[in-house]
C-alpha cells in the first residue's frame, strides 16, 4: 500500500526513532544536536509529505533527477539534502539543495565551486571520507584528507560544513565505531585547516544509534521510517 495510507505509522516510526536517538546521544556523551534526515529514495512524493507531517523537516535523496521530480510535486517546505554520489555534469543542480553530503573527489569539488561562483552563491557541502577503505565506497582516505582540506580552502564558494561517511553493511559494532571515530578525526582535520566543519553525517537505519553515540549530527534514515520499497 502507498505511504499515503500509512501516515500514522510513519509518525509512530519517527517518534520511536527520535527516542532512540535521544537515548544514544545521552549514552555517547558528545552532547551534539542530531538532525534526522528522512531518506525518501524510490518512494513517491507522498513519503516526503508524510515525513513532514510527522515533524521531519529534512529529506534526503540519492539522485538529482528523482529529487527534482519530487521538488516539483511537494508543497511541504522541507530542506532537501543530496546524499548520494553526484556526477560533475549535474553540478548545476547542486545549489537547489540545503546540503550536499557526498563531495568525494577534488574534481567534483572544483565543479561545484565553479558552479556556485557562476550562480553568485555559496554552497554548503560535506566531504565524504572512506574510512573503511572499501572499493565500493567513494571518498577520500584519512591520510590524504589534511592536504585535501588545505586545498579546499582555496574554493571560497564552498562552505565545508563537515564530513560524511558510510560504514560497511552489517559490520560488527567494533568496526562501526572505528569507522565513525575515523569520521570524527576527518572533521577535526577539516577544522584545523580553517573550515567550519561542525557536522558529521553518518548512520543509517541499521547503525544510527552507534553513529549517534560516536558523535553523528545527521543521520540518514529510510527503511526504518518507510519500510522497504517493493
C-alpha atoms as a PDB file:
ATOM      1  CA  UNK A   1       0.000   0.000   0.000  1.00  0.00           C
ATOM      2  CA  UNK A   2       1.254   3.547  -0.644  1.00  0.00           C
ATOM      3  CA  UNK A   3       2.794   5.545   2.178  1.00  0.00           C
ATOM      4  CA  UNK A   4      -0.118   7.978   1.969  1.00  0.00           C
ATOM      5  CA  UNK A   5      -2.194   5.207   3.576  1.00  0.00           C
ATOM      6  CA  UNK A   6       0.311   4.869   6.419  1.00  0.00           C
ATOM      7  CA  UNK A   7       0.857   8.410   7.691  1.00  0.00           C
ATOM      8  CA  UNK A   8       0.103   7.321  11.261  1.00  0.00           C
ATOM      9  CA  UNK A   9       2.672   4.534  11.023  1.00  0.00           C
ATOM     10  CA  UNK A  10       5.305   6.970   9.742  1.00  0.00           C
ATOM     11  CA  UNK A  11       4.513   9.300  12.628  1.00  0.00           C
ATOM     12  CA  UNK A  12       4.945   6.446  15.112  1.00  0.00           C
ATOM     13  CA  UNK A  13       8.202   5.360  13.489  1.00  0.00           C
ATOM     14  CA  UNK A  14       9.575   8.903  13.655  1.00  0.00           C
ATOM     15  CA  UNK A  15       8.642   9.216  17.321  1.00  0.00           C
ATOM     16  CA  UNK A  16      10.341   5.914  18.156  1.00  0.00           C
ATOM     17  CA  UNK A  17      13.463   6.846  16.202  1.00  0.00           C
ATOM     18  CA  UNK A  18      13.690  10.204  17.957  1.00  0.00           C
ATOM     19  CA  UNK A  19      13.523   8.436  21.320  1.00  0.00           C
ATOM     20  CA  UNK A  20      16.319   6.085  20.282  1.00  0.00           C
ATOM     21  CA  UNK A  21      18.416   8.990  19.021  1.00  0.00           C
ATOM     22  CA  UNK A  22      17.955  10.834  22.315  1.00  0.00           C
ATOM     23  CA  UNK A  23      18.980   7.770  24.311  1.00  0.00           C
ATOM     24  CA  UNK A  24      22.043   7.190  22.109  1.00  0.00           C
ATOM     25  CA  UNK A  25      23.006  10.847  22.407  1.00  0.00           C
ATOM     26  CA  UNK A  26      22.909  10.533  26.191  1.00  0.00           C
ATOM     27  CA  UNK A  27      24.986   7.352  26.150  1.00  0.00           C
ATOM     28  CA  UNK A  28      27.576   8.848  23.812  1.00  0.00           C
ATOM     29  CA  UNK A  29      28.088  11.948  25.898  1.00  0.00           C
ATOM     30  CA  UNK A  30      29.056  14.224  22.996  1.00  0.00           C
ATOM     31  CA  UNK A  31      26.064  16.492  23.624  1.00  0.00           C
ATOM     32  CA  UNK A  32      25.526  17.214  19.935  1.00  0.00           C
ATOM     33  CA  UNK A  33      22.179  18.113  18.358  1.00  0.00           C
ATOM     34  CA  UNK A  34      21.103  15.437  15.870  1.00  0.00           C
ATOM     35  CA  UNK A  35      19.217  16.134  12.637  1.00  0.00           C
ATOM     36  CA  UNK A  36      17.008  13.327  11.362  1.00  0.00           C
ATOM     37  CA  UNK A  37      17.068  13.132   7.558  1.00  0.00           C
ATOM     38  CA  UNK A  38      14.223  11.091   6.080  1.00  0.00           C
ATOM     39  CA  UNK A  39      15.574   9.272   3.028  1.00  0.00           C
ATOM     40  CA  UNK A  40      12.756   9.002   0.505  1.00  0.00           C
ATOM     41  CA  UNK A  41      14.605   7.479  -2.449  1.00  0.00           C
ATOM     42  CA  UNK A  42      12.436   5.113  -4.527  1.00  0.00           C
ATOM     43  CA  UNK A  43       9.356   6.321  -2.635  1.00  0.00           C
ATOM     44  CA  UNK A  44       6.988   8.866  -4.099  1.00  0.00           C
ATOM     45  CA  UNK A  45       6.409  12.475  -3.044  1.00  0.00           C
ATOM     46  CA  UNK A  46       3.834  11.278  -0.533  1.00  0.00           C
ATOM     47  CA  UNK A  47       6.730   9.969   1.584  1.00  0.00           C
ATOM     48  CA  UNK A  48       8.096  13.499   1.830  1.00  0.00           C
ATOM     49  CA  UNK A  49       4.698  14.835   2.853  1.00  0.00           C
ATOM     50  CA  UNK A  50       4.285  12.050   5.422  1.00  0.00           C
ATOM     51  CA  UNK A  51       7.694  12.777   6.919  1.00  0.00           C
ATOM     52  CA  UNK A  52       6.931  16.475   7.166  1.00  0.00           C
ATOM     53  CA  UNK A  53       3.569  15.718   8.776  1.00  0.00           C
ATOM     54  CA  UNK A  54       5.494  13.684  11.353  1.00  0.00           C
ATOM     55  CA  UNK A  55       7.725  16.657  12.132  1.00  0.00           C
ATOM     56  CA  UNK A  56      10.725  15.808   9.954  1.00  0.00           C
ATOM     57  CA  UNK A  57      11.890  18.875   8.039  1.00  0.00           C
ATOM     58  CA  UNK A  58      14.960  17.371   6.351  1.00  0.00           C
ATOM     59  CA  UNK A  59      14.664  14.985   3.398  1.00  0.00           C
ATOM     60  CA  UNK A  60      17.459  13.084   1.647  1.00  0.00           C
ATOM     61  CA  UNK A  61      17.618  11.941  -1.958  1.00  0.00           C
ATOM     62  CA  UNK A  62      20.339   9.949  -3.699  1.00  0.00           C
ATOM     63  CA  UNK A  63      19.754  11.128  -7.264  1.00  0.00           C
ATOM     64  CA  UNK A  64      19.310  14.625  -8.635  1.00  0.00           C
ATOM     65  CA  UNK A  65      16.647  13.664 -11.164  1.00  0.00           C
ATOM     66  CA  UNK A  66      14.452  11.919  -8.605  1.00  0.00           C
ATOM     67  CA  UNK A  67      14.871  14.806  -6.189  1.00  0.00           C
ATOM     68  CA  UNK A  68      13.928  17.405  -8.780  1.00  0.00           C
ATOM     69  CA  UNK A  69      10.796  15.469  -9.718  1.00  0.00           C
ATOM     70  CA  UNK A  70       9.708  15.445  -6.076  1.00  0.00           C
ATOM     71  CA  UNK A  71      10.609  19.099  -5.557  1.00  0.00           C
ATOM     72  CA  UNK A  72       8.122  19.941  -8.305  1.00  0.00           C
ATOM     73  CA  UNK A  73       5.361  17.934  -6.606  1.00  0.00           C
ATOM     74  CA  UNK A  74       5.910  18.544  -2.905  1.00  0.00           C
ATOM     75  CA  UNK A  75       4.424  21.579  -1.176  1.00  0.00           C
ATOM     76  CA  UNK A  76       5.920  20.926   2.265  1.00  0.00           C
ATOM     77  CA  UNK A  77       8.783  23.376   2.998  1.00  0.00           C
ATOM     78  CA  UNK A  78      11.394  20.716   3.653  1.00  0.00           C
ATOM     79  CA  UNK A  79      15.159  21.110   3.442  1.00  0.00           C
ATOM     80  CA  UNK A  80      16.497  18.891   0.660  1.00  0.00           C
ATOM     81  CA  UNK A  81      19.769  17.005   1.156  1.00  0.00           C
ATOM     82  CA  UNK A  82      21.686  15.336  -1.658  1.00  0.00           C
ATOM     83  CA  UNK A  83      23.150  12.259  -0.005  1.00  0.00           C
ATOM     84  CA  UNK A  84      24.240  10.162  -2.990  1.00  0.00           C
ATOM     85  CA  UNK A  85      27.069  10.386  -5.496  1.00  0.00           C
ATOM     86  CA  UNK A  86      26.849  13.484  -7.662  1.00  0.00           C
ATOM     87  CA  UNK A  87      28.151  13.453 -11.214  1.00  0.00           C
ATOM     88  CA  UNK A  88      30.105  16.541 -12.198  1.00  0.00           C
ATOM     89  CA  UNK A  89      27.823  17.217 -15.157  1.00  0.00           C
ATOM     90  CA  UNK A  90      24.939  17.700 -12.700  1.00  0.00           C
ATOM     91  CA  UNK A  91      26.764  20.270 -10.580  1.00  0.00           C
ATOM     92  CA  UNK A  92      24.339  22.967 -11.712  1.00  0.00           C
ATOM     93  CA  UNK A  93      21.533  21.315  -9.734  1.00  0.00           C
ATOM     94  CA  UNK A  94      23.525  21.193  -6.501  1.00  0.00           C
ATOM     95  CA  UNK A  95      22.558  24.709  -5.481  1.00  0.00           C
ATOM     96  CA  UNK A  96      18.952  23.579  -5.101  1.00  0.00           C
ATOM     97  CA  UNK A  97      19.958  21.522  -2.064  1.00  0.00           C
ATOM     98  CA  UNK A  98      20.315  22.643   1.530  1.00  0.00           C
ATOM     99  CA  UNK A  99      23.396  20.448   1.947  1.00  0.00           C
ATOM    100  CA  UNK A 100      25.424  18.271  -0.447  1.00  0.00           C
ATOM    101  CA  UNK A 101      26.733  15.303   1.545  1.00  0.00           C
ATOM    102  CA  UNK A 102      28.904  13.486  -0.951  1.00  0.00           C
ATOM    103  CA  UNK A 103      31.833  15.582  -2.152  1.00  0.00           C
ATOM    104  CA  UNK A 104      34.016  12.570  -2.895  1.00  0.00           C
ATOM    105  CA  UNK A 105      36.695  13.981  -5.226  1.00  0.00           C
ATOM    106  CA  UNK A 106      38.563  17.200  -5.863  1.00  0.00           C
ATOM    107  CA  UNK A 107      37.252  17.257  -9.433  1.00  0.00           C
ATOM    108  CA  UNK A 108      33.703  17.311  -8.101  1.00  0.00           C
ATOM    109  CA  UNK A 109      34.630  19.986  -5.557  1.00  0.00           C
ATOM    110  CA  UNK A 110      36.035  22.129  -8.373  1.00  0.00           C
ATOM    111  CA  UNK A 111      32.910  21.674 -10.469  1.00  0.00           C
ATOM    112  CA  UNK A 112      30.682  22.622  -7.557  1.00  0.00           C
ATOM    113  CA  UNK A 113      32.830  25.628  -6.704  1.00  0.00           C
ATOM    114  CA  UNK A 114      32.769  26.872 -10.290  1.00  0.00           C
ATOM    115  CA  UNK A 115      29.003  26.460 -10.490  1.00  0.00           C
ATOM    116  CA  UNK A 116      28.452  28.247  -7.180  1.00  0.00           C
ATOM    117  CA  UNK A 117      30.596  31.126  -8.436  1.00  0.00           C
ATOM    118  CA  UNK A 118      28.607  31.236 -11.667  1.00  0.00           C
ATOM    119  CA  UNK A 119      25.392  31.491  -9.675  1.00  0.00           C
ATOM    120  CA  UNK A 120      26.898  34.018  -7.243  1.00  0.00           C
ATOM    121  CA  UNK A 121      26.154  31.846  -4.250  1.00  0.00           C
ATOM    122  CA  UNK A 122      27.870  29.765  -1.583  1.00  0.00           C
ATOM    123  CA  UNK A 123      27.238  26.032  -1.431  1.00  0.00           C
ATOM    124  CA  UNK A 124      27.190  24.069   1.825  1.00  0.00           C
ATOM    125  CA  UNK A 125      28.930  20.713   1.429  1.00  0.00           C
ATOM    126  CA  UNK A 126      30.278  17.757   3.368  1.00  0.00           C
ATOM    127  CA  UNK A 127      33.477  15.968   2.452  1.00  0.00           C
ATOM    128  CA  UNK A 128      32.968  12.233   2.015  1.00  0.00           C
ATOM    129  CA  UNK A 129      35.574  10.063   3.703  1.00  0.00           C
ATOM    130  CA  UNK A 130      36.133   6.374   3.036  1.00  0.00           C
ATOM    131  CA  UNK A 131      37.329   5.280   6.449  1.00  0.00           C
ATOM    132  CA  UNK A 132      36.866   1.552   5.836  1.00  0.00           C
ATOM    133  CA  UNK A 133      38.822   1.555   2.572  1.00  0.00           C
ATOM    134  CA  UNK A 134      36.135  -0.399   0.716  1.00  0.00           C
ATOM    135  CA  UNK A 135      36.483  -0.234  -3.057  1.00  0.00           C
ATOM    136  CA  UNK A 136      32.707   0.009  -3.375  1.00  0.00           C
ATOM    137  CA  UNK A 137      32.638   3.301  -1.487  1.00  0.00           C
ATOM    138  CA  UNK A 138      33.829   6.654  -2.738  1.00  0.00           C
ATOM    139  CA  UNK A 139      35.505   9.403  -0.822  1.00  0.00           C
ATOM    140  CA  UNK A 140      38.879  10.471   0.485  1.00  0.00           C
ATOM    141  CA  UNK A 141      41.084   8.325   2.664  1.00  0.00           C
ATOM    142  CA  UNK A 142      42.009   9.652   6.095  1.00  0.00           C
ATOM    143  CA  UNK A 143      45.737  10.025   5.270  1.00  0.00           C
ATOM    144  CA  UNK A 144      45.045  12.248   2.265  1.00  0.00           C
ATOM    145  CA  UNK A 145      42.437  14.404   3.960  1.00  0.00           C
ATOM    146  CA  UNK A 146      44.676  17.082   5.552  1.00  0.00           C
ATOM    147  CA  UNK A 147      46.144  18.020   2.166  1.00  0.00           C
ATOM    148  CA  UNK A 148      42.698  17.960   0.559  1.00  0.00           C
ATOM    149  CA  UNK A 149      41.306  20.125   3.345  1.00  0.00           C
ATOM    150  CA  UNK A 150      44.032  22.679   2.729  1.00  0.00           C
ATOM    151  CA  UNK A 151      43.301  22.808  -0.993  1.00  0.00           C
ATOM    152  CA  UNK A 152      39.577  23.221  -0.328  1.00  0.00           C
ATOM    153  CA  UNK A 153      40.346  26.473   1.496  1.00  0.00           C
ATOM    154  CA  UNK A 154      41.103  27.921  -1.946  1.00  0.00           C
ATOM    155  CA  UNK A 155      37.486  27.348  -3.008  1.00  0.00           C
ATOM    156  CA  UNK A 156      35.651  30.179  -1.236  1.00  0.00           C
ATOM    157  CA  UNK A 157      32.298  29.405  -2.881  1.00  0.00           C
ATOM    158  CA  UNK A 158      32.194  26.114  -0.972  1.00  0.00           C
ATOM    159  CA  UNK A 159      31.419  26.165   2.732  1.00  0.00           C
ATOM    160  CA  UNK A 160      32.748  22.888   4.111  1.00  0.00           C
ATOM    161  CA  UNK A 161      30.374  22.061   6.951  1.00  0.00           C
ATOM    162  CA  UNK A 162      31.908  18.742   7.952  1.00  0.00           C
ATOM    163  CA  UNK A 163      32.389  15.121   6.956  1.00  0.00           C
ATOM    164  CA  UNK A 164      30.204  12.266   5.762  1.00  0.00           C
ATOM    165  CA  UNK A 165      30.907   8.558   5.831  1.00  0.00           C
ATOM    166  CA  UNK A 166      29.238   5.177   5.384  1.00  0.00           C
ATOM    167  CA  UNK A 167      30.088   2.104   7.393  1.00  0.00           C
ATOM    168  CA  UNK A 168      30.286  -1.367   5.827  1.00  0.00           C
ATOM    169  CA  UNK A 169      26.917  -3.086   5.620  1.00  0.00           C
ATOM    170  CA  UNK A 170      26.242  -5.437   8.551  1.00  0.00           C
ATOM    171  CA  UNK A 171      29.602  -4.622  10.148  1.00  0.00           C
ATOM    172  CA  UNK A 172      30.144  -5.618  13.786  1.00  0.00           C
ATOM    173  CA  UNK A 173      29.948  -2.868  16.368  1.00  0.00           C
ATOM    174  CA  UNK A 174      33.708  -2.662  16.773  1.00  0.00           C
ATOM    175  CA  UNK A 175      34.083  -1.858  13.068  1.00  0.00           C
ATOM    176  CA  UNK A 176      31.216   0.631  13.162  1.00  0.00           C
ATOM    177  CA  UNK A 177      32.859   2.505  15.999  1.00  0.00           C
ATOM    178  CA  UNK A 178      36.191   2.508  14.205  1.00  0.00           C
ATOM    179  CA  UNK A 179      34.620   3.960  11.056  1.00  0.00           C
ATOM    180  CA  UNK A 180      32.621   6.597  12.894  1.00  0.00           C
ATOM    181  CA  UNK A 181      35.598   7.597  15.030  1.00  0.00           C
ATOM    182  CA  UNK A 182      37.561   7.959  11.797  1.00  0.00           C
ATOM    183  CA  UNK A 183      34.942  10.400  10.529  1.00  0.00           C
ATOM    184  CA  UNK A 184      35.395  12.433  13.700  1.00  0.00           C
ATOM    185  CA  UNK A 185      39.109  12.649  13.021  1.00  0.00           C
ATOM    186  CA  UNK A 186      38.332  13.719   9.444  1.00  0.00           C
ATOM    187  CA  UNK A 187      36.161  16.523  10.740  1.00  0.00           C
ATOM    188  CA  UNK A 188      38.991  17.619  13.014  1.00  0.00           C
ATOM    189  CA  UNK A 189      41.382  17.729  10.044  1.00  0.00           C
ATOM    190  CA  UNK A 190      38.907  19.965   8.234  1.00  0.00           C
ATOM    191  CA  UNK A 191      38.644  22.236  11.264  1.00  0.00           C
ATOM    192  CA  UNK A 192      42.403  22.508  11.578  1.00  0.00           C
ATOM    193  CA  UNK A 193      42.512  23.827   8.020  1.00  0.00           C
ATOM    194  CA  UNK A 194      40.024  26.544   8.938  1.00  0.00           C
ATOM    195  CA  UNK A 195      36.726  25.066   7.717  1.00  0.00           C
ATOM    196  CA  UNK A 196      33.616  25.386   9.931  1.00  0.00           C
ATOM    197  CA  UNK A 197      33.191  21.585   9.886  1.00  0.00           C
ATOM    198  CA  UNK A 198      30.608  21.297  12.621  1.00  0.00           C
ATOM    199  CA  UNK A 199      28.658  18.417  11.049  1.00  0.00           C
ATOM    200  CA  UNK A 200      29.123  14.637  10.976  1.00  0.00           C
ATOM    201  CA  UNK A 201      26.718  12.857   8.618  1.00  0.00           C
ATOM    202  CA  UNK A 202      26.853   9.166   9.445  1.00  0.00           C
ATOM    203  CA  UNK A 203      24.491   6.418  10.433  1.00  0.00           C
ATOM    204  CA  UNK A 204      21.653   4.735   8.562  1.00  0.00           C
ATOM    205  CA  UNK A 205      18.740   2.531   9.598  1.00  0.00           C
ATOM    206  CA  UNK A 206      20.921  -0.353  10.746  1.00  0.00           C
ATOM    207  CA  UNK A 207      23.604   1.547  12.655  1.00  0.00           C
ATOM    208  CA  UNK A 208      22.337   5.024  13.525  1.00  0.00           C
ATOM    209  CA  UNK A 209      22.390   4.512  17.299  1.00  0.00           C
ATOM    210  CA  UNK A 210      26.090   3.656  17.293  1.00  0.00           C
ATOM    211  CA  UNK A 211      26.704   6.604  14.972  1.00  0.00           C
ATOM    212  CA  UNK A 212      24.955   8.984  17.363  1.00  0.00           C
ATOM    213  CA  UNK A 213      26.919   7.558  20.280  1.00  0.00           C
ATOM    214  CA  UNK A 214      30.062   8.348  18.278  1.00  0.00           C
ATOM    215  CA  UNK A 215      29.022  11.946  17.607  1.00  0.00           C
ATOM    216  CA  UNK A 216      26.815  11.962  14.489  1.00  0.00           C
ATOM    217  CA  UNK A 217      24.984  15.256  13.939  1.00  0.00           C
ATOM    218  CA  UNK A 218      22.999  13.997  10.926  1.00  0.00           C
ATOM    219  CA  UNK A 219      21.560  10.502  10.460  1.00  0.00           C
ATOM    220  CA  UNK A 220      20.100   9.331   7.140  1.00  0.00           C
ATOM    221  CA  UNK A 221      17.153   7.011   7.708  1.00  0.00           C
ATOM    222  CA  UNK A 222      14.852   5.465   5.151  1.00  0.00           C
ATOM    223  CA  UNK A 223      13.839   1.836   5.686  1.00  0.00           C
ATOM    224  CA  UNK A 224      13.185   2.250   9.402  1.00  0.00           C
ATOM    225  CA  UNK A 225      10.731   5.072   8.651  1.00  0.00           C
ATOM    226  CA  UNK A 226       9.043   3.928   5.451  1.00  0.00           C
ATOM    227  CA  UNK A 227       9.773   0.217   5.131  1.00  0.00           C
ATOM    228  CA  UNK A 228      11.380  -1.417   2.114  1.00  0.00           C
ATOM    229  CA  UNK A 229      10.183  -0.384  -1.323  1.00  0.00           C
ATOM    230  CA  UNK A 230       8.528  -3.337  -3.075  1.00  0.00           C
END
